[in-house]
Amino acid sequence: TTGVGEISDIEDPESMPAAAVVEEEVGSF
């Protein structure tokens, strides 16, 4: 089973973490 959420209209894309960093941080939790 899957679920999807949206990170909406990111204000400062140049400074946001890479996708892999987000995956690791959210995944560790």
PDB file of all heavy atoms in Angstrom:
ATOM      1  N   THR A   1       0.841  -1.198   0.000  1.00  0.00           N
ATOM      2  CA  THR A   1       0.000   0.000   0.000  1.00  0.00           C
ATOM      3  C   THR A   1       0.873   1.244   0.000  1.00  0.00           C
ATOM      4  O   THR A   1       1.885   1.301   0.713  1.00  0.00           O
ATOM      5  CB  THR A   1      -0.919   0.023   1.235  1.00  0.00           C
ATOM      6  OG1 THR A   1      -1.659  -1.196   1.302  1.00  0.00           O
ATOM      7  CG2 THR A   1      -1.893   1.189   1.167  1.00  0.00           C
ATOM      8  N   THR A   2       0.481   2.243  -0.776  1.00  0.00           N
ATOM      9  CA  THR A   2       1.265   3.476  -0.852  1.00  0.00           C
ATOM     10  C   THR A   2       0.402   4.686  -0.501  1.00  0.00           C
ATOM     11  O   THR A   2      -0.828   4.653  -0.562  1.00  0.00           O
ATOM     12  CB  THR A   2       1.850   3.696  -2.264  1.00  0.00           C
ATOM     13  OG1 THR A   2       0.785   3.798  -3.209  1.00  0.00           O
ATOM     14  CG2 THR A   2       2.773   2.557  -2.648  1.00  0.00           C
ATOM     15  N   GLY A   3       1.073   5.758  -0.131  1.00  0.00           N
ATOM     16  CA  GLY A   3       0.433   7.051   0.083  1.00  0.00           C
ATOM     17  C   GLY A   3       1.376   8.134  -0.389  1.00  0.00           C
ATOM     18  O   GLY A   3       2.600   8.013  -0.244  1.00  0.00           O
ATOM     19  N   VAL A   4       0.833   9.191  -0.969  1.00  0.00           N
ATOM     20  CA  VAL A   4       1.658  10.262  -1.548  1.00  0.00           C
ATOM     21  C   VAL A   4       1.235  11.600  -0.970  1.00  0.00           C
ATOM     22  O   VAL A   4       0.037  11.883  -0.813  1.00  0.00           O
ATOM     23  CB  VAL A   4       1.525  10.286  -3.087  1.00  0.00           C
ATOM     24  CG1 VAL A   4       2.287  11.479  -3.681  1.00  0.00           C
ATOM     25  CG2 VAL A   4       2.046   8.980  -3.686  1.00  0.00           C
ATOM     26  N   GLY A   5       2.232  12.430  -0.655  1.00  0.00           N
ATOM     27  CA  GLY A   5       1.988  13.797  -0.210  1.00  0.00           C
ATOM     28  C   GLY A   5       2.799  14.764  -1.054  1.00  0.00           C
ATOM     29  O   GLY A   5       3.809  14.385  -1.664  1.00  0.00           O
ATOM     30  N   GLU A   6       2.358  16.014  -1.070  1.00  0.00           N
ATOM     31  CA  GLU A   6       2.967  17.038  -1.919  1.00  0.00           C
ATOM     32  C   GLU A   6       3.708  18.072  -1.076  1.00  0.00           C
ATOM     33  O   GLU A   6       3.154  18.604  -0.110  1.00  0.00           O
ATOM     34  CB  GLU A   6       1.871  17.719  -2.735  1.00  0.00           C
ATOM     35  CG  GLU A   6       2.349  18.828  -3.655  1.00  0.00           C
ATOM     36  CD  GLU A   6       1.178  19.462  -4.409  1.00  0.00           C
ATOM     37  OE1 GLU A   6       0.671  18.815  -5.343  1.00  0.00           O
ATOM     38  OE2 GLU A   6       0.765  20.582  -4.022  1.00  0.00           O
ATOM     39  N   ILE A   7       4.956  18.344  -1.443  1.00  0.00           N
ATOM     40  CA  ILE A   7       5.713  19.473  -0.889  1.00  0.00           C
ATOM     41  C   ILE A   7       5.428  20.632  -1.831  1.00  0.00           C
ATOM     42  O   ILE A   7       5.978  20.725  -2.920  1.00  0.00           O
ATOM     43  CB  ILE A   7       7.223  19.164  -0.814  1.00  0.00           C
ATOM     44  CG1 ILE A   7       7.472  17.837  -0.090  1.00  0.00           C
ATOM     45  CG2 ILE A   7       7.964  20.294  -0.114  1.00  0.00           C
ATOM     46  CD1 ILE A   7       8.924  17.363  -0.144  1.00  0.00           C
ATOM     47  N   SER A   8       4.541  21.541  -1.412  1.00  0.00           N
ATOM     48  CA  SER A   8       3.889  22.456  -2.349  1.00  0.00           C
ATOM     49  C   SER A   8       4.663  23.753  -2.565  1.00  0.00           C
ATOM     50  O   SER A   8       5.073  24.410  -1.603  1.00  0.00           O
ATOM     51  CB  SER A   8       2.488  22.801  -1.829  1.00  0.00           C
ATOM     52  OG  SER A   8       1.690  21.647  -1.694  1.00  0.00           O
ATOM     53  N   ASP A   9       4.837  24.118  -3.846  1.00  0.00           N
ATOM     54  CA  ASP A   9       5.318  25.443  -4.244  1.00  0.00           C
ATOM     55  C   ASP A   9       6.506  25.878  -3.387  1.00  0.00           C
ATOM     56  O   ASP A   9       6.446  26.871  -2.654  1.00  0.00           O
ATOM     57  CB  ASP A   9       4.172  26.459  -4.146  1.00  0.00           C
ATOM     58  CG  ASP A   9       4.496  27.757  -4.868  1.00  0.00           C
ATOM     59  OD1 ASP A   9       5.454  27.794  -5.651  1.00  0.00           O
ATOM     60  OD2 ASP A   9       3.780  28.753  -4.621  1.00  0.00           O
ATOM     61  N   ILE A  10       7.604  25.153  -3.512  1.00  0.00           N
ATOM     62  CA  ILE A  10       8.786  25.364  -2.667  1.00  0.00           C
ATOM     63  C   ILE A  10       9.335  26.773  -2.881  1.00  0.00           C
ATOM     64  O   ILE A  10       9.601  27.193  -4.001  1.00  0.00           O
ATOM     65  CB  ILE A  10       9.846  24.288  -2.979  1.00  0.00           C
ATOM     66  CG1 ILE A  10       9.277  22.897  -2.623  1.00  0.00           C
ATOM     67  CG2 ILE A  10      11.129  24.552  -2.203  1.00  0.00           C
ATOM     68  CD1 ILE A  10      10.059  21.744  -3.208  1.00  0.00           C
ATOM     69  N   GLU A  11       9.493  27.513  -1.776  1.00  0.00           N
ATOM     70  CA  GLU A  11       9.830  28.928  -1.851  1.00  0.00           C
ATOM     71  C   GLU A  11      11.225  29.187  -2.404  1.00  0.00           C
ATOM     72  O   GLU A  11      11.437  30.110  -3.187  1.00  0.00           O
ATOM     73  CB  GLU A  11       9.717  29.562  -0.456  1.00  0.00           C
ATOM     74  CG  GLU A  11       8.317  29.562   0.116  1.00  0.00           C
ATOM     75  CD  GLU A  11       7.437  30.635  -0.496  1.00  0.00           C
ATOM     76  OE1 GLU A  11       7.975  31.548  -1.135  1.00  0.00           O
ATOM     77  OE2 GLU A  11       6.202  30.549  -0.322  1.00  0.00           O
ATOM     78  N   ASP A  12      12.206  28.399  -1.985  1.00  0.00           N
ATOM     79  CA  ASP A  12      13.602  28.639  -2.367  1.00  0.00           C
ATOM     80  C   ASP A  12      14.223  27.332  -2.850  1.00  0.00           C
ATOM     81  O   ASP A  12      14.997  26.698  -2.124  1.00  0.00           O
ATOM     82  CB  ASP A  12      14.369  29.206  -1.170  1.00  0.00           C
ATOM     83  CG  ASP A  12      15.782  29.653  -1.537  1.00  0.00           C
ATOM     84  OD1 ASP A  12      16.096  29.684  -2.748  1.00  0.00           O
ATOM     85  OD2 ASP A  12      16.564  29.959  -0.622  1.00  0.00           O
ATOM     86  N   PRO A  13      13.918  26.930  -4.082  1.00  0.00           N
ATOM     87  CA  PRO A  13      14.390  25.626  -4.566  1.00  0.00           C
ATOM     88  C   PRO A  13      15.904  25.490  -4.584  1.00  0.00           C
ATOM     89  O   PRO A  13      16.433  24.377  -4.440  1.00  0.00           O
ATOM     90  CB  PRO A  13      13.824  25.557  -5.997  1.00  0.00           C
ATOM     91  CG  PRO A  13      12.686  26.507  -6.013  1.00  0.00           C
ATOM     92  CD  PRO A  13      13.060  27.613  -5.080  1.00  0.00           C
ATOM     93  N   GLU A  14      16.618  26.603  -4.751  1.00  0.00           N
ATOM     94  CA  GLU A  14      18.074  26.535  -4.843  1.00  0.00           C
ATOM     95  C   GLU A  14      18.717  26.069  -3.538  1.00  0.00           C
ATOM     96  O   GLU A  14      19.805  25.491  -3.555  1.00  0.00           O
ATOM     97  CB  GLU A  14      18.636  27.903  -5.237  1.00  0.00           C
ATOM     98  CG  GLU A  14      18.175  28.403  -6.603  1.00  0.00           C
ATOM     99  CD  GLU A  14      18.536  27.436  -7.721  1.00  0.00           C
ATOM    100  OE1 GLU A  14      19.662  26.894  -7.702  1.00  0.00           O
ATOM    101  OE2 GLU A  14      17.692  27.198  -8.598  1.00  0.00           O
ATOM    102  N   SER A  15      18.060  26.322  -2.425  1.00  0.00           N
ATOM    103  CA  SER A  15      18.671  25.979  -1.137  1.00  0.00           C
ATOM    104  C   SER A  15      18.043  24.766  -0.472  1.00  0.00           C
ATOM    105  O   SER A  15      18.460  24.379   0.620  1.00  0.00           O
ATOM    106  CB  SER A  15      18.566  27.181  -0.185  1.00  0.00           C
ATOM    107  OG  SER A  15      17.215  27.458   0.123  1.00  0.00           O
ATOM    108  N   MET A  16      17.045  24.151  -1.127  1.00  0.00           N
ATOM    109  CA  MET A  16      16.377  23.020  -0.479  1.00  0.00           C
ATOM    110  C   MET A  16      17.283  21.786  -0.495  1.00  0.00           C
ATOM    111  O   MET A  16      18.156  21.642  -1.354  1.00  0.00           O
ATOM    112  CB  MET A  16      15.060  22.711  -1.189  1.00  0.00           C
ATOM    113  CG  MET A  16      15.218  22.082  -2.545  1.00  0.00           C
ATOM    114  SD  MET A  16      13.614  21.782  -3.328  1.00  0.00           S
ATOM    115  CE  MET A  16      14.137  20.884  -4.798  1.00  0.00           C
ATOM    116  N   PRO A  17      17.088  20.871   0.462  1.00  0.00           N
ATOM    117  CA  PRO A  17      17.880  19.635   0.478  1.00  0.00           C
ATOM    118  C   PRO A  17      17.609  18.783  -0.758  1.00  0.00           C
ATOM    119  O   PRO A  17      16.527  18.854  -1.359  1.00  0.00           O
ATOM    120  CB  PRO A  17      17.392  18.919   1.746  1.00  0.00           C
ATOM    121  CG  PRO A  17      16.699  19.956   2.557  1.00  0.00           C
ATOM    122  CD  PRO A  17      16.146  20.952   1.588  1.00  0.00           C
ATOM    123  N   ALA A  18      18.572  17.977  -1.142  1.00  0.00           N
ATOM    124  CA  ALA A  18      18.391  17.045  -2.253  1.00  0.00           C
ATOM    125  C   ALA A  18      17.345  15.996  -1.893  1.00  0.00           C
ATOM    126  O   ALA A  18      17.097  15.715  -0.710  1.00  0.00           O
ATOM    127  CB  ALA A  18      19.707  16.368  -2.591  1.00  0.00           C
ATOM    128  N   ALA A  19      16.732  15.409  -2.922  1.00  0.00           N
ATOM    129  CA  ALA A  19      15.704  14.393  -2.697  1.00  0.00           C
ATOM    130  C   ALA A  19      16.232  13.255  -1.825  1.00  0.00           C
ATOM    131  O   ALA A  19      15.529  12.754  -0.945  1.00  0.00           O
ATOM    132  CB  ALA A  19      15.206  13.854  -4.039  1.00  0.00           C
ATOM    133  N   ALA A  20      17.476  12.845  -2.050  1.00  0.00           N
ATOM    134  CA  ALA A  20      18.051  11.741  -1.275  1.00  0.00           C
ATOM    135  C   ALA A  20      18.162  12.092   0.202  1.00  0.00           C
ATOM    136  O   ALA A  20      17.989  11.230   1.073  1.00  0.00           O
ATOM    137  CB  ALA A  20      19.423  11.371  -1.836  1.00  0.00           C
ATOM    138  N   VAL A  21      18.447  13.355   0.504  1.00  0.00           N
ATOM    139  CA  VAL A  21      18.540  13.793   1.896  1.00  0.00           C
ATOM    140  C   VAL A  21      17.167  13.734   2.560  1.00  0.00           C
ATOM    141  O   VAL A  21      17.026  13.295   3.700  1.00  0.00           O
ATOM    142  CB  VAL A  21      19.120  15.220   1.968  1.00  0.00           C
ATOM    143  CG1 VAL A  21      19.062  15.761   3.400  1.00  0.00           C
ATOM    144  CG2 VAL A  21      20.549  15.241   1.447  1.00  0.00           C
ATOM    145  N   VAL A  22      16.135  14.175   1.827  1.00  0.00           N
ATOM    146  CA  VAL A  22      14.774  14.122   2.366  1.00  0.00           C
ATOM    147  C   VAL A  22      14.354  12.676   2.590  1.00  0.00           C
ATOM    148  O   VAL A  22      13.766  12.333   3.632  1.00  0.00           O
ATOM    149  CB  VAL A  22      13.787  14.841   1.420  1.00  0.00           C
ATOM    150  CG1 VAL A  22      12.362  14.783   1.980  1.00  0.00           C
ATOM    151  CG2 VAL A  22      14.204  16.291   1.191  1.00  0.00           C
ATOM    152  N   GLU A  23      14.647  11.809   1.625  1.00  0.00           N
ATOM    153  CA  GLU A  23      14.311  10.390   1.778  1.00  0.00           C
ATOM    154  C   GLU A  23      14.962   9.802   3.020  1.00  0.00           C
ATOM    155  O   GLU A  23      14.320   9.063   3.788  1.00  0.00           O
ATOM    156  CB  GLU A  23      14.765   9.624   0.540  1.00  0.00           C
ATOM    157  CG  GLU A  23      13.947   9.926  -0.703  1.00  0.00           C
ATOM    158  CD  GLU A  23      14.541   9.301  -1.954  1.00  0.00           C
ATOM    159  OE1 GLU A  23      15.710   8.840  -1.908  1.00  0.00           O
ATOM    160  OE2 GLU A  23      13.845   9.278  -2.983  1.00  0.00           O
ATOM    161  N   GLU A  24      16.225  10.135   3.233  1.00  0.00           N
ATOM    162  CA  GLU A  24      16.941   9.576   4.389  1.00  0.00           C
ATOM    163  C   GLU A  24      16.382  10.110   5.701  1.00  0.00           C
ATOM    164  O   GLU A  24      16.172   9.350   6.655  1.00  0.00           O
ATOM    165  CB  GLU A  24      18.429   9.910   4.284  1.00  0.00           C
ATOM    166  CG  GLU A  24      19.264   9.343   5.432  1.00  0.00           C
ATOM    167  CD  GLU A  24      20.743   9.622   5.275  1.00  0.00           C
ATOM    168  OE1 GLU A  24      21.139  10.257   4.282  1.00  0.00           O
ATOM    169  OE2 GLU A  24      21.518   9.210   6.173  1.00  0.00           O
ATOM    170  N   GLU A  25      16.112  11.433   5.751  1.00  0.00           N
ATOM    171  CA  GLU A  25      15.635  12.043   6.994  1.00  0.00           C
ATOM    172  C   GLU A  25      14.231  11.545   7.345  1.00  0.00           C
ATOM    173  O   GLU A  25      13.969  11.157   8.495  1.00  0.00           O
ATOM    174  CB  GLU A  25      15.642  13.563   6.861  1.00  0.00           C
ATOM    175  CG  GLU A  25      15.208  14.317   8.102  1.00  0.00           C
ATOM    176  CD  GLU A  25      16.171  14.185   9.262  1.00  0.00           C
ATOM    177  OE1 GLU A  25      17.329  13.747   9.041  1.00  0.00           O
ATOM    178  OE2 GLU A  25      15.776  14.510  10.401  1.00  0.00           O
ATOM    179  N   VAL A  26      13.339  11.546   6.380  1.00  0.00           N
ATOM    180  CA  VAL A  26      11.973  11.082   6.640  1.00  0.00           C
ATOM    181  C   VAL A  26      11.971   9.567   6.867  1.00  0.00           C
ATOM    182  O   VAL A  26      11.268   9.055   7.751  1.00  0.00           O
ATOM    183  CB  VAL A  26      11.034  11.461   5.485  1.00  0.00           C
ATOM    184  CG1 VAL A  26       9.644  10.874   5.693  1.00  0.00           C
ATOM    185  CG2 VAL A  26      10.948  12.978   5.346  1.00  0.00           C
ATOM    186  N   GLY A  27      12.780   8.840   6.084  1.00  0.00           N
ATOM    187  CA  GLY A  27      12.843   7.392   6.233  1.00  0.00           C
ATOM    188  C   GLY A  27      13.355   6.959   7.588  1.00  0.00           C
ATOM    189  O   GLY A  27      12.862   5.976   8.166  1.00  0.00           O
ATOM    190  N   SER A  28      14.341   7.678   8.127  1.00  0.00           N
ATOM    191  CA  SER A  28      14.891   7.301   9.431  1.00  0.00           C
ATOM    192  C   SER A  28      13.837   7.440  10.534  1.00  0.00           C
ATOM    193  O   SER A  28      13.905   6.753  11.553  1.00  0.00           O
ATOM    194  CB  SER A  28      16.113   8.160   9.758  1.00  0.00           C
ATOM    195  OG  SER A  28      15.744   9.520   9.921  1.00  0.00           O
ATOM    196  N   PHE A  29      12.865   8.325  10.316  1.00  0.00           N
ATOM    197  CA  PHE A  29      11.783   8.493  11.289  1.00  0.00           C
ATOM    198  C   PHE A  29      10.650   7.501  11.061  1.00  0.00           C
ATOM    199  O   PHE A  29      10.109   6.921  12.017  1.00  0.00           O
ATOM    200  CB  PHE A  29      11.259   9.932  11.206  1.00  0.00           C
ATOM    201  CG  PHE A  29       9.987  10.165  11.974  1.00  0.00           C
ATOM    202  CD1 PHE A  29       9.953  10.010  13.352  1.00  0.00           C
ATOM    203  CD2 PHE A  29       8.822  10.530  11.321  1.00  0.00           C
ATOM    204  CE1 PHE A  29       8.775  10.221  14.061  1.00  0.00           C
ATOM    205  CE2 PHE A  29       7.647  10.744  12.014  1.00  0.00           C
ATOM    206  CZ  PHE A  29       7.622  10.583  13.393  1.00  0.00           C
TER     207      PHE A  29
END
